[in-house]
N, C-alpha and C. Protein backbone atom coordinates (compact mmCIF):
# COMPACT_ATOMS: atom_id res chain seq x y z
N MET A 1 -40.74 -4.44 -19.35
CA MET A 1 -41.16 -4.27 -17.98
C MET A 1 -40.30 -4.26 -17.36
N ILE A 2 -40.65 -3.82 -15.79
CA ILE A 2 -40.22 -3.58 -14.97
C ILE A 2 -39.76 -4.62 -13.84
N ALA A 3 -39.01 -5.12 -13.61
CA ALA A 3 -39.02 -6.42 -12.41
C ALA A 3 -39.44 -5.82 -11.40
N ILE A 4 -40.04 -6.95 -10.65
CA ILE A 4 -40.98 -6.18 -9.29
C ILE A 4 -39.97 -7.61 -8.37
N PRO A 5 -39.84 -6.96 -7.27
CA PRO A 5 -39.04 -7.63 -6.71
C PRO A 5 -39.38 -9.26 -5.80
N GLY A 6 -39.30 -10.07 -5.53
CA GLY A 6 -39.59 -10.99 -4.64
C GLY A 6 -41.22 -11.19 -3.75
N ASN A 7 -40.54 -10.30 -2.92
CA ASN A 7 -41.22 -9.92 -1.92
C ASN A 7 -42.35 -8.92 -1.68
N VAL A 8 -42.73 -8.35 -3.67
CA VAL A 8 -43.91 -7.66 -3.35
C VAL A 8 -45.13 -8.46 -3.65
N ARG A 9 -45.67 -7.96 -2.82
CA ARG A 9 -47.34 -8.36 -3.11
C ARG A 9 -48.34 -7.55 -4.04
N VAL A 10 -49.07 -8.77 -5.05
CA VAL A 10 -49.57 -7.28 -6.40
C VAL A 10 -51.06 -7.31 -5.72
N TRP A 11 -51.96 -6.54 -5.86
CA TRP A 11 -53.10 -6.57 -5.62
C TRP A 11 -54.07 -5.72 -6.59
N LEU A 12 -55.01 -6.03 -6.66
CA LEU A 12 -56.13 -6.22 -8.03
C LEU A 12 -57.31 -5.42 -7.21
N ALA A 13 -57.76 -4.29 -7.62
CA ALA A 13 -58.72 -3.45 -6.69
C ALA A 13 -60.01 -3.92 -8.17
N THR A 14 -60.81 -4.69 -7.17
CA THR A 14 -61.90 -5.39 -8.02
C THR A 14 -63.02 -3.95 -8.60
N GLY A 15 -64.17 -4.41 -9.26
CA GLY A 15 -64.72 -3.28 -9.92
C GLY A 15 -64.24 -2.00 -10.68
N TYR A 16 -64.33 -0.80 -10.62
CA TYR A 16 -63.75 -0.33 -11.94
C TYR A 16 -63.44 0.80 -11.78
N THR A 17 -62.37 1.57 -11.57
CA THR A 17 -62.12 2.85 -11.58
C THR A 17 -61.71 3.95 -12.31
N ASP A 18 -61.86 5.31 -12.17
CA ASP A 18 -61.90 6.71 -12.97
C ASP A 18 -60.33 6.56 -13.30
N MET A 19 -60.31 6.16 -14.42
CA MET A 19 -58.53 6.08 -15.57
C MET A 19 -57.83 7.82 -15.20
N ARG A 20 -58.80 8.66 -14.94
CA ARG A 20 -58.20 9.94 -15.20
C ARG A 20 -57.91 10.11 -13.51
N ARG A 21 -57.32 9.22 -12.57
CA ARG A 21 -56.65 9.36 -11.10
C ARG A 21 -55.68 9.18 -11.71
N GLY A 22 -54.56 10.07 -10.99
CA GLY A 22 -53.47 9.73 -10.71
C GLY A 22 -52.76 8.99 -9.25
N PHE A 23 -51.49 9.11 -9.26
CA PHE A 23 -50.94 8.34 -8.28
C PHE A 23 -51.44 8.72 -6.69
N ARG A 24 -51.98 10.12 -6.57
CA ARG A 24 -52.04 10.32 -5.14
C ARG A 24 -53.47 10.08 -4.85
N SER A 25 -54.62 10.30 -6.04
CA SER A 25 -56.15 9.93 -5.73
C SER A 25 -55.97 8.40 -6.21
N LEU A 26 -55.23 7.47 -6.35
CA LEU A 26 -55.16 6.39 -6.32
C LEU A 26 -54.55 5.55 -4.99
N ALA A 27 -53.67 6.08 -4.10
CA ALA A 27 -53.42 6.12 -3.13
C ALA A 27 -54.37 6.73 -2.10
N LEU A 28 -54.87 7.58 -2.39
CA LEU A 28 -55.92 7.60 -1.38
C LEU A 28 -57.20 6.81 -1.42
N GLN A 29 -56.99 6.11 -3.18
CA GLN A 29 -58.26 5.20 -2.88
C GLN A 29 -57.84 3.50 -2.02
N VAL A 30 -56.27 3.42 -2.30
CA VAL A 30 -55.56 2.08 -1.48
C VAL A 30 -56.15 2.20 -0.12
N GLN A 31 -56.31 3.34 0.73
CA GLN A 31 -56.34 3.10 2.04
C GLN A 31 -57.90 3.62 2.39
N GLU A 32 -58.62 4.46 1.36
CA GLU A 32 -59.84 4.30 2.24
C GLU A 32 -60.85 2.78 1.82
N VAL A 33 -60.42 2.41 0.88
CA VAL A 33 -60.96 1.69 -0.21
C VAL A 33 -60.43 0.00 0.51
N LEU A 34 -59.50 0.21 -0.05
CA LEU A 34 -59.07 -1.26 0.15
C LEU A 34 -58.06 -1.68 1.34
N HIS A 35 -58.04 -0.09 2.27
CA HIS A 35 -57.55 -0.38 3.84
C HIS A 35 -56.07 -1.18 3.53
N LYS A 36 -55.17 -0.99 2.89
CA LYS A 36 -53.54 -0.78 2.83
C LYS A 36 -53.14 0.21 3.26
N ASP A 37 -51.67 0.52 3.03
CA ASP A 37 -50.86 1.06 2.90
C ASP A 37 -50.13 1.48 1.78
N PRO A 38 -50.38 2.02 0.84
CA PRO A 38 -49.93 2.24 -0.90
C PRO A 38 -48.29 2.77 -0.59
N LEU A 39 -48.03 3.58 0.18
CA LEU A 39 -46.37 3.41 0.56
C LEU A 39 -45.89 1.84 1.18
N SER A 40 -46.48 0.90 1.41
CA SER A 40 -45.89 -0.33 1.75
C SER A 40 -45.27 -0.94 1.12
N GLY A 41 -45.01 -0.81 -0.62
CA GLY A 41 -43.79 -1.53 -1.60
C GLY A 41 -44.88 -2.67 -2.13
N HIS A 42 -45.69 -2.32 -2.15
CA HIS A 42 -46.80 -3.49 -2.81
C HIS A 42 -46.83 -2.45 -4.05
N LEU A 43 -47.75 -3.82 -4.54
CA LEU A 43 -48.27 -2.88 -6.22
C LEU A 43 -49.56 -3.57 -6.56
N PHE A 44 -50.30 -2.17 -6.90
CA PHE A 44 -51.72 -2.10 -6.71
C PHE A 44 -52.21 -1.94 -8.01
N VAL A 45 -52.87 -2.73 -8.91
CA VAL A 45 -53.56 -2.79 -9.96
C VAL A 45 -55.12 -1.97 -10.02
N PHE A 46 -55.60 -1.20 -10.96
CA PHE A 46 -57.03 -1.05 -10.93
C PHE A 46 -56.77 -0.99 -12.21
N ARG A 47 -58.42 -0.83 -13.05
CA ARG A 47 -58.87 -1.48 -14.13
C ARG A 47 -59.99 -0.06 -14.45
N GLY A 48 -60.02 0.11 -15.60
CA GLY A 48 -61.09 1.05 -15.94
C GLY A 48 -62.28 -0.01 -16.65
N ARG A 49 -63.32 1.42 -16.73
CA ARG A 49 -64.55 0.67 -17.08
C ARG A 49 -64.75 -0.90 -18.24
N ARG A 50 -63.89 0.38 -19.23
CA ARG A 50 -63.88 -0.84 -20.97
C ARG A 50 -63.11 -2.02 -20.95
N SER A 51 -62.44 -2.11 -19.31
CA SER A 51 -61.37 -3.16 -19.34
C SER A 51 -60.55 -3.35 -19.89
N ASP A 52 -59.71 -2.00 -21.06
CA ASP A 52 -58.68 -1.96 -22.00
C ASP A 52 -57.81 -1.73 -21.33
N LEU A 53 -57.48 -0.91 -19.98
CA LEU A 53 -56.61 0.16 -19.83
C LEU A 53 -56.53 -0.24 -17.70
N VAL A 54 -55.06 -0.01 -17.73
CA VAL A 54 -55.12 -0.52 -16.43
C VAL A 54 -54.11 0.43 -15.82
N LYS A 55 -53.67 0.92 -14.87
CA LYS A 55 -52.91 1.31 -13.63
C LYS A 55 -52.89 1.15 -12.49
N ALA A 56 -51.21 1.07 -12.70
CA ALA A 56 -50.57 0.20 -11.18
C ALA A 56 -49.56 1.39 -10.80
N ILE A 57 -49.97 1.59 -9.23
CA ILE A 57 -49.03 2.08 -8.65
C ILE A 57 -48.05 1.41 -7.73
N TRP A 58 -47.12 1.85 -7.21
CA TRP A 58 -46.26 1.40 -6.75
C TRP A 58 -45.00 2.29 -5.93
N HIS A 59 -44.54 2.33 -4.64
CA HIS A 59 -43.96 3.06 -4.57
C HIS A 59 -42.59 2.32 -4.05
N ASP A 60 -41.47 2.22 -4.69
CA ASP A 60 -40.43 1.45 -4.48
C ASP A 60 -39.37 1.74 -3.34
N GLY A 61 -39.70 2.86 -2.15
CA GLY A 61 -38.56 3.04 -1.07
C GLY A 61 -38.08 4.15 -1.66
N GLN A 62 -38.09 4.86 -2.83
CA GLN A 62 -37.33 6.16 -3.14
C GLN A 62 -38.36 7.04 -3.85
N GLY A 63 -39.43 6.38 -4.05
CA GLY A 63 -40.63 7.29 -5.10
C GLY A 63 -42.06 6.98 -5.60
N ALA A 64 -42.64 7.36 -5.90
CA ALA A 64 -44.35 6.92 -5.93
C ALA A 64 -43.45 6.51 -7.76
N CYS A 65 -44.38 5.33 -8.35
CA CYS A 65 -44.53 5.21 -9.66
C CYS A 65 -46.12 4.91 -9.53
N LEU A 66 -46.20 5.12 -11.63
CA LEU A 66 -47.31 5.21 -11.86
C LEU A 66 -47.34 4.62 -13.37
N PHE A 67 -47.80 2.89 -13.03
CA PHE A 67 -48.00 2.55 -14.72
C PHE A 67 -49.18 2.69 -15.30
N THR A 68 -49.49 2.68 -16.47
CA THR A 68 -50.34 2.41 -17.18
C THR A 68 -49.95 1.92 -18.54
N LYS A 69 -51.21 1.08 -18.50
CA LYS A 69 -51.06 0.14 -19.95
C LYS A 69 -52.47 -0.04 -20.54
N ARG A 70 -52.39 0.02 -22.00
CA ARG A 70 -54.16 0.13 -22.87
C ARG A 70 -53.48 -1.15 -23.47
N LEU A 71 -54.96 -2.15 -23.66
CA LEU A 71 -54.64 -3.25 -24.84
C LEU A 71 -54.71 -2.28 -26.12
N GLU A 72 -54.24 -2.83 -26.98
CA GLU A 72 -54.98 -2.49 -28.58
C GLU A 72 -56.21 -3.10 -29.13
N ARG A 73 -56.55 -4.70 -28.36
CA ARG A 73 -57.13 -5.45 -29.20
C ARG A 73 -57.18 -5.93 -27.81
N GLY A 74 -58.86 -6.60 -27.04
CA GLY A 74 -58.93 -7.58 -26.05
C GLY A 74 -59.50 -6.41 -24.99
N LYS A 75 -59.07 -7.07 -23.92
CA LYS A 75 -59.62 -6.95 -22.40
C LYS A 75 -58.75 -7.39 -21.69
N PHE A 76 -58.53 -6.68 -20.46
CA PHE A 76 -57.80 -7.34 -19.29
C PHE A 76 -59.11 -8.53 -18.47
N ILE A 77 -58.16 -9.99 -18.15
CA ILE A 77 -59.10 -10.88 -17.31
C ILE A 77 -59.11 -10.13 -15.73
N TRP A 78 -60.17 -9.74 -15.31
CA TRP A 78 -60.50 -9.22 -13.85
C TRP A 78 -61.20 -9.95 -13.18
N PRO A 79 -61.15 -10.21 -11.98
CA PRO A 79 -61.57 -11.25 -11.12
C PRO A 79 -63.01 -10.69 -10.36
N SER A 80 -64.04 -11.51 -10.68
CA SER A 80 -65.56 -11.15 -10.28
C SER A 80 -65.96 -11.38 -8.80
N VAL A 81 -65.05 -11.48 -8.12
CA VAL A 81 -65.64 -11.71 -6.69
C VAL A 81 -65.96 -10.28 -5.80
N ALA A 82 -66.82 -10.72 -5.02
CA ALA A 82 -67.78 -9.47 -3.80
C ALA A 82 -66.45 -9.07 -3.21
N GLY A 83 -66.16 -8.03 -3.16
CA GLY A 83 -64.92 -7.97 -2.05
C GLY A 83 -64.15 -6.16 -2.83
N GLU A 84 -63.20 -6.24 -1.86
CA GLU A 84 -62.27 -4.90 -2.38
C GLU A 84 -60.59 -5.22 -3.02
N SER A 85 -60.50 -6.37 -2.51
CA SER A 85 -59.32 -6.67 -3.63
C SER A 85 -59.18 -8.08 -3.09
N VAL A 86 -57.99 -8.39 -4.86
CA VAL A 86 -57.47 -9.76 -4.87
C VAL A 86 -55.93 -9.68 -5.16
N THR A 87 -55.49 -10.85 -4.04
CA THR A 87 -53.89 -10.99 -4.74
C THR A 87 -52.94 -11.77 -5.21
N ILE A 88 -52.67 -11.26 -6.19
CA ILE A 88 -52.04 -12.28 -7.24
C ILE A 88 -50.86 -12.77 -7.00
N SER A 89 -50.25 -13.34 -7.61
CA SER A 89 -48.48 -13.07 -7.90
C SER A 89 -47.77 -12.30 -8.83
N PRO A 90 -46.20 -12.47 -8.69
CA PRO A 90 -46.13 -11.52 -9.81
C PRO A 90 -46.19 -12.41 -11.23
N ALA A 91 -45.69 -13.41 -11.24
CA ALA A 91 -46.49 -14.07 -12.99
C ALA A 91 -47.27 -14.22 -12.91
N GLN A 92 -48.32 -13.87 -11.90
CA GLN A 92 -49.95 -14.07 -13.14
C GLN A 92 -50.23 -12.57 -13.37
N LEU A 93 -49.43 -11.37 -12.61
CA LEU A 93 -49.72 -10.16 -13.49
C LEU A 93 -49.02 -10.00 -14.37
N SER A 94 -47.88 -11.00 -14.55
CA SER A 94 -47.46 -10.72 -16.01
C SER A 94 -48.33 -11.11 -17.21
N TYR A 95 -48.55 -12.21 -16.69
CA TYR A 95 -50.21 -12.74 -18.07
C TYR A 95 -51.19 -11.69 -17.75
N LEU A 96 -51.62 -11.48 -16.69
CA LEU A 96 -52.57 -10.10 -16.73
C LEU A 96 -52.43 -8.97 -17.89
N LEU A 97 -51.13 -8.70 -17.38
CA LEU A 97 -50.29 -7.25 -18.54
C LEU A 97 -50.47 -8.22 -19.95
N SER A 98 -49.87 -8.94 -20.34
CA SER A 98 -50.10 -9.63 -21.63
C SER A 98 -51.94 -10.13 -22.65
N GLY A 99 -52.15 -9.87 -21.28
CA GLY A 99 -53.87 -9.79 -22.06
C GLY A 99 -54.03 -11.60 -22.05
N ILE A 100 -53.43 -12.05 -21.17
CA ILE A 100 -53.59 -13.85 -20.94
C ILE A 100 -54.67 -14.12 -19.40
N ASP A 101 -55.59 -15.05 -20.11
CA ASP A 101 -56.06 -15.08 -18.96
C ASP A 101 -55.23 -16.04 -17.55
N TRP A 102 -54.75 -15.00 -16.46
CA TRP A 102 -53.89 -15.49 -15.94
C TRP A 102 -54.91 -16.15 -14.64
N ARG A 103 -55.76 -16.52 -14.50
CA ARG A 103 -56.29 -17.28 -13.56
C ARG A 103 -56.31 -18.98 -13.98
N ASN A 104 -55.98 -18.97 -15.46
CA ASN A 104 -56.12 -20.63 -15.77
C ASN A 104 -54.67 -20.77 -16.72
N PRO A 105 -53.61 -20.28 -17.04
CA PRO A 105 -53.08 -20.62 -18.13
C PRO A 105 -52.83 -21.71 -18.74
N GLN A 106 -52.72 -22.12 -19.87
CA GLN A 106 -52.97 -23.48 -20.70
C GLN A 106 -51.37 -23.26 -21.37
N LYS A 107 -51.27 -24.46 -21.49
CA LYS A 107 -49.46 -24.48 -21.68
C LYS A 107 -49.84 -25.29 -23.09
N THR A 108 -49.32 -24.76 -24.30
CA THR A 108 -49.48 -25.15 -25.01
C THR A 108 -48.70 -26.59 -25.89
N HIS A 109 -49.50 -27.31 -26.77
CA HIS A 109 -48.71 -27.98 -27.40
C HIS A 109 -47.31 -28.28 -28.42
N ARG A 110 -46.30 -28.64 -27.76
CA ARG A 110 -45.52 -28.87 -28.46
C ARG A 110 -44.85 -30.07 -28.99
N PRO A 111 -44.70 -30.33 -30.42
CA PRO A 111 -44.22 -31.17 -31.60
C PRO A 111 -43.03 -31.92 -30.65
N THR A 112 -42.95 -33.07 -30.65
CA THR A 112 -42.21 -34.17 -30.06
C THR A 112 -40.96 -34.15 -31.28
N ARG A 113 -41.58 -34.21 -32.59
CA ARG A 113 -40.09 -34.06 -33.64
C ARG A 113 -40.09 -33.29 -35.01
N VAL A 114 -39.36 -33.20 -35.47
CA VAL A 114 -39.49 -32.01 -36.41
C VAL A 114 -39.97 -33.02 -37.99
N GLY A 115 -40.74 -32.13 -38.93
CA GLY A 115 -40.76 -32.90 -40.45
C GLY A 115 -42.02 -33.04 -40.60
């Protein structure tokens, strides 16, 4: 995975997005629907209708980046809030992209002894 700088905000676009879109049309959606600047250096993430595919756009200061991930099994956990976007931390994005429920990750039990 590509490291995201600490000052980058991660925005999830609520609802569904047509996954045939490329950087330009997703950037237009960021401007018109989310009312954000797609060239701001923030990361914007979109989900497809079946919830197994996400696309993220990010302008790193040198150029436009478009990332895509499809889960082989399961679905991406997405916010069900009314609104246009939700901000999450880069750590929560890492959980989300791994198919883990980023809203409430659970620490697993670790054995205290071997044997």
